[in-house]
Amino acid sequence: MWGREYGVPPTNQPQQDHGSNEQRPWDQHDHTKVEIDHEEKKKNWFDIDPERRKQLEVGGGLLAGAALLGGGFLAYKKHKEHEEEKKALAWSLQNWLTDAQQRTEQFHREGPRGPLTWVLTHGTQIPKGALVGGQESDGTPLYIARTFFEGGIHPGKVGPNFKKGAIIGYDGEEIELENYEVLLGDAQTIRWEDTSRFSVQSLGGRPVEGGREADGTPLFIVQAPYKDGVHPGKTSEKLGNADITYGGHEKRIDRFRVLLYA
């Protein structure tokens, strides 16, 4: 059903290394760095005290996210009619991006702090050491990615043949975004487990959390076969099955593998 294993990058597969000082895609958003309390960043915009929200707006704590939205950063699909909805989206977007920047800068400065690391990148720049999560029908590797969209952080895929960046599934469609994170790490520290219905309790190990829905529901990393390929995607307790994308649309697959820590 699955063919060969896809958890380990082929040794003869060239990968781009953009960790030099000349090419630092994670630094393209330095203007988003805003000093905000770490615990405060975890809060939903609407859970922050109204007076504090005003302070953040007046003091510039929301300017970075608003600038990203205004500058065309594709962070939502549906038009947000209310200003407070736009502010909530800007707040979540800038918090994800600043966290991703700090995580990536620390990785390039100090090296990995654990078996797996999410590294921020841009466009078609796939970092060296990216974990393979599947392959196209022609054997081209697909790597595990995630990005911010509609208030959540969604796992998906990226490949050397993609034109714009990483691809995630949302609301029945494929969404391709230029700014995203790629999962790096030691392939010996992970494994894939077959299942037909996702449940954390029924798995034989701890699944790798890849993101969250806008409501906070954790999203986990999967791979599923489709059209002679194997595609990385997402699942959750709510979804139950694998959510992958192909040909411009989301696909729900009943037989899939979940990424676990070894």
Protein backbone atom coordinates (compact mmCIF):
# COMPACT_ATOMS: atom_id res chain seq x y z
CA MET A 1 0.00 0.00 0.00
CA TRP A 2 2.69 2.44 1.01
CA GLY A 3 5.72 1.32 -0.98
CA ARG A 4 9.03 2.31 0.58
CA GLU A 5 9.36 4.31 3.79
CA TYR A 6 9.26 8.09 3.49
CA GLY A 7 10.50 9.19 6.90
CA VAL A 8 14.17 9.51 5.88
CA PRO A 9 15.39 11.93 3.19
CA PRO A 10 17.08 10.17 0.23
CA THR A 11 20.84 10.56 0.49
CA ASN A 12 21.11 11.56 -3.16
CA GLN A 13 18.41 14.22 -2.99
CA PRO A 14 19.86 17.74 -3.20
CA GLN A 15 18.43 20.28 -0.79
CA GLN A 16 18.83 24.00 -0.68
CA ASP A 17 20.73 25.48 2.24
CA HIS A 18 19.81 29.08 2.93
CA GLY A 19 21.39 29.46 6.34
CA SER A 20 24.16 31.82 5.21
CA ASN A 21 24.35 35.51 6.09
CA GLU A 22 23.70 36.40 2.46
CA GLN A 23 20.39 34.55 2.34
CA ARG A 24 18.32 34.68 5.51
CA PRO A 25 14.64 34.26 4.58
CA TRP A 26 13.57 34.24 8.23
CA ASP A 27 14.83 37.83 8.55
CA GLN A 28 12.47 39.24 5.93
CA HIS A 29 9.98 40.29 8.59
CA ASP A 30 12.19 42.07 11.11
CA HIS A 31 9.69 44.94 11.16
CA THR A 32 7.21 42.61 12.92
CA LYS A 33 9.28 42.33 16.10
CA VAL A 34 7.21 43.88 18.88
CA GLU A 35 7.96 43.52 22.58
CA ILE A 36 4.90 41.84 24.10
CA ASP A 37 4.73 39.71 27.22
CA HIS A 38 5.08 36.00 26.41
CA GLU A 39 1.98 34.98 28.36
CA GLU A 40 -0.02 37.79 26.79
CA LYS A 41 0.87 36.53 23.32
CA LYS A 42 -0.87 33.25 24.09
CA LYS A 43 -4.20 35.01 24.59
CA ASN A 44 -6.89 35.48 22.00
CA TRP A 45 -7.33 39.16 21.10
CA PHE A 46 -10.88 39.13 22.48
CA ASP A 47 -9.67 37.68 25.80
CA ILE A 48 -7.40 40.66 26.44
CA ASP A 49 -8.78 43.41 28.65
CA PRO A 50 -10.34 46.20 26.49
CA GLU A 51 -8.12 48.85 28.07
CA ARG A 52 -5.03 46.75 27.38
CA ARG A 53 -6.16 46.30 23.76
CA LYS A 54 -6.31 50.06 23.40
CA GLN A 55 -2.79 50.35 24.85
CA LEU A 56 -1.50 47.79 22.35
CA GLU A 57 -3.10 49.66 19.46
CA VAL A 58 -1.94 53.11 20.53
CA GLY A 59 1.52 51.92 21.59
CA GLY A 60 2.21 50.06 18.36
CA GLY A 61 1.77 46.54 19.68
CA LEU A 62 -0.63 45.74 16.87
CA LEU A 63 1.02 47.72 14.08
CA ALA A 64 3.18 44.88 12.80
CA GLY A 65 0.30 42.49 12.22
CA ALA A 66 -1.87 45.21 10.74
CA ALA A 67 0.94 46.17 8.37
CA LEU A 68 1.26 42.56 7.24
CA LEU A 69 -2.45 42.32 6.50
CA GLY A 70 -2.45 45.69 4.77
CA GLY A 71 0.61 44.71 2.78
CA GLY A 72 -1.15 41.75 1.24
CA PHE A 73 0.07 38.95 3.52
CA LEU A 74 -2.46 36.24 2.68
CA ALA A 75 -3.65 35.27 6.14
CA TYR A 76 -7.32 34.85 5.47
CA LYS A 77 -9.65 33.63 2.75
CA LYS A 78 -12.94 35.28 3.63
CA HIS A 79 -13.43 39.01 3.86
CA LYS A 80 -13.42 40.26 7.42
CA GLU A 81 -16.19 42.81 7.72
CA HIS A 82 -15.56 43.96 11.27
CA GLU A 83 -12.50 45.90 12.36
CA GLU A 84 -12.18 43.91 15.57
CA GLU A 85 -12.00 40.68 13.53
CA LYS A 86 -9.15 42.17 11.52
CA LYS A 87 -7.38 43.22 14.70
CA ALA A 88 -7.78 39.71 16.17
CA LEU A 89 -6.34 38.22 13.00
CA ALA A 90 -3.44 40.70 12.95
CA TRP A 91 -2.68 39.88 16.60
CA SER A 92 -2.54 36.13 15.96
CA LEU A 93 -0.56 36.53 12.76
CA GLN A 94 2.17 38.69 14.24
CA ASN A 95 2.50 36.44 17.31
CA TRP A 96 3.02 33.37 15.11
CA LEU A 97 5.50 35.19 12.90
CA THR A 98 7.58 36.70 15.71
CA ASP A 99 7.71 33.34 17.50
CA ALA A 100 8.77 31.66 14.25
CA GLN A 101 11.48 34.28 13.72
CA GLN A 102 12.89 33.85 17.21
CA ARG A 103 12.82 30.05 16.93
CA THR A 104 14.61 30.16 13.57
CA GLU A 105 17.21 32.69 14.65
CA GLN A 106 17.97 30.60 17.74
CA PHE A 107 18.31 27.47 15.61
CA HIS A 108 20.82 29.10 13.26
CA ARG A 109 22.71 30.66 16.17
CA GLU A 110 22.80 27.73 18.62
CA GLY A 111 21.72 24.65 16.67
CA PRO A 112 18.77 22.34 17.48
CA ARG A 113 17.49 22.22 21.05
CA GLY A 114 15.48 19.06 20.50
CA PRO A 115 14.86 16.26 18.01
CA LEU A 116 12.57 18.44 15.86
CA THR A 117 12.62 22.14 14.98
CA TRP A 118 10.31 24.36 12.94
CA VAL A 119 12.28 26.80 10.78
CA LEU A 120 10.78 29.84 9.08
CA THR A 121 11.40 30.30 5.37
CA HIS A 122 9.96 31.95 2.29
CA GLY A 123 8.96 31.00 -1.25
CA THR A 124 10.70 27.93 -2.64
CA GLN A 125 13.63 28.04 -0.20
CA ILE A 126 13.56 24.63 1.49
CA PRO A 127 16.13 24.46 4.32
CA LYS A 128 18.74 21.74 4.50
CA GLY A 129 17.67 18.96 6.85
CA ALA A 130 13.94 19.21 6.07
CA LEU A 131 12.12 16.00 6.98
CA VAL A 132 10.53 14.12 4.11
CA GLY A 133 6.84 13.51 4.69
CA GLY A 134 5.89 11.94 1.37
CA GLN A 135 6.47 12.09 -2.36
CA GLU A 136 4.85 13.00 -5.64
CA SER A 137 3.87 10.23 -8.06
CA ASP A 138 7.15 10.79 -9.93
CA GLY A 139 9.23 10.32 -6.78
CA THR A 140 9.85 14.01 -6.03
CA PRO A 141 10.04 14.39 -2.22
CA LEU A 142 7.44 16.36 -0.28
CA TYR A 143 8.47 17.97 3.00
CA ILE A 144 6.44 18.76 6.12
CA ALA A 145 5.44 22.42 6.40
CA ARG A 146 3.03 24.59 8.34
CA THR A 147 1.78 28.15 8.11
CA PHE A 148 -0.66 30.66 9.58
CA PHE A 149 -4.11 30.96 7.98
CA GLU A 150 -7.52 32.15 9.18
CA GLY A 151 -6.35 32.43 12.79
CA GLY A 152 -4.82 28.95 12.98
CA ILE A 153 -1.49 27.25 12.21
CA HIS A 154 -2.04 24.49 9.66
CA PRO A 155 0.33 21.63 8.74
CA GLY A 156 0.73 20.91 5.04
CA LYS A 157 3.42 20.23 2.46
CA VAL A 158 6.10 21.88 0.36
CA GLY A 159 8.15 20.55 -2.53
CA PRO A 160 10.88 21.68 -4.90
CA ASN A 161 8.40 21.86 -7.78
CA PHE A 162 5.92 24.14 -6.03
CA LYS A 163 5.73 27.60 -7.60
CA LYS A 164 4.89 29.84 -4.62
CA GLY A 165 5.54 28.16 -1.30
CA ALA A 166 3.83 25.72 1.06
CA ILE A 167 0.37 24.27 0.46
CA ILE A 168 -2.26 23.66 3.14
CA GLY A 169 -5.88 22.61 2.99
CA TYR A 170 -8.67 24.89 4.21
CA ASP A 171 -12.42 25.00 3.61
CA GLY A 172 -12.23 22.44 0.81
CA GLU A 173 -9.44 24.12 -1.13
CA GLU A 174 -5.67 24.12 -1.55
CA ILE A 175 -4.11 27.33 -0.21
CA GLU A 176 -0.53 28.16 -1.21
CA LEU A 177 1.39 30.65 0.94
CA GLU A 178 4.87 32.15 0.56
CA ASN A 179 5.70 32.45 4.28
CA TYR A 180 5.83 29.19 6.20
CA GLU A 181 7.80 26.92 8.51
CA VAL A 182 9.49 23.64 7.58
CA LEU A 183 10.05 20.77 10.01
CA LEU A 184 13.73 19.88 10.47
CA GLY A 185 15.16 17.12 12.61
CA ASP A 186 16.68 13.70 13.05
CA ALA A 187 14.63 11.09 11.19
CA GLN A 188 15.75 8.48 13.76
CA THR A 189 13.69 10.24 16.44
CA ILE A 190 10.33 9.84 14.66
CA ARG A 191 8.22 7.09 13.14
CA TRP A 192 4.95 6.71 11.24
CA GLU A 193 2.05 4.64 12.57
CA ASP A 194 -0.84 3.33 10.46
CA THR A 195 -4.38 4.14 11.55
CA SER A 196 -7.87 4.62 10.16
CA ARG A 197 -9.24 6.93 12.83
CA PHE A 198 -7.20 9.48 14.74
CA SER A 199 -7.30 9.27 18.52
CA VAL A 200 -4.39 10.25 20.72
CA GLN A 201 -5.28 7.59 23.29
CA SER A 202 -5.31 4.76 20.72
CA LEU A 203 -1.89 5.52 19.27
CA GLY A 204 1.18 3.58 20.31
CA GLY A 205 3.17 6.71 21.12
CA ARG A 206 3.14 10.51 21.31
CA PRO A 207 2.05 12.24 18.09
CA VAL A 208 3.96 15.25 16.78
CA GLU A 209 1.80 18.33 17.16
CA GLY A 210 2.04 20.50 14.06
CA GLY A 211 -0.29 23.40 14.77
CA ARG A 212 -3.79 24.33 15.87
CA GLU A 213 -7.15 25.46 14.60
CA ALA A 214 -8.28 29.03 15.25
CA ASP A 215 -10.29 27.72 18.23
CA GLY A 216 -7.18 26.13 19.75
CA THR A 217 -7.82 22.52 18.68
CA PRO A 218 -4.42 20.80 18.24
CA LEU A 219 -3.52 19.64 14.73
CA PHE A 220 -1.17 16.70 14.16
CA ILE A 221 0.97 15.63 11.21
CA VAL A 222 -0.04 12.79 8.89
CA GLN A 223 0.80 11.31 5.51
CA ALA A 224 -1.70 9.61 3.21
CA PRO A 225 -1.54 7.87 -0.18
CA TYR A 226 -3.32 9.50 -3.12
CA LYS A 227 -2.92 9.27 -6.91
CA ASP A 228 0.27 7.17 -6.76
CA GLY A 229 1.88 9.60 -4.32
CA VAL A 230 2.04 10.09 -0.56
CA HIS A 231 1.07 13.53 0.74
CA PRO A 232 1.75 15.18 4.13
CA GLY A 233 -1.24 16.78 5.80
CA LYS A 234 -3.05 17.23 9.08
CA THR A 235 -5.53 15.57 11.41
CA SER A 236 -7.16 16.15 14.80
CA GLU A 237 -9.59 14.57 17.21
CA LYS A 238 -12.34 16.54 15.45
CA LEU A 239 -11.32 15.59 11.90
CA GLY A 240 -10.70 11.92 12.65
CA ASN A 241 -9.23 11.12 9.24
CA ALA A 242 -6.37 12.58 7.23
CA ASP A 243 -6.78 15.97 5.57
CA ILE A 244 -4.45 16.33 2.56
CA THR A 245 -4.61 18.33 -0.66
CA TYR A 246 -4.38 17.45 -4.33
CA GLY A 247 -5.32 19.17 -7.58
CA GLY A 248 -6.57 22.33 -5.92
CA HIS A 249 -8.83 20.66 -3.35
CA GLU A 250 -8.81 19.14 0.12
CA LYS A 251 -9.08 15.36 0.28
CA ARG A 252 -10.19 13.29 3.28
CA ILE A 253 -8.42 9.91 3.46
CA ASP A 254 -9.52 7.09 5.76
CA ARG A 255 -6.27 5.08 5.80
CA PHE A 256 -3.22 7.12 6.75
CA ARG A 257 -0.15 7.38 8.96
CA VAL A 258 0.41 9.61 11.96
CA LEU A 259 3.84 11.03 12.78
CA LEU A 260 4.98 9.93 16.25
CA TYR A 261 8.08 10.47 18.34
CA ALA A 262 10.11 7.26 18.32
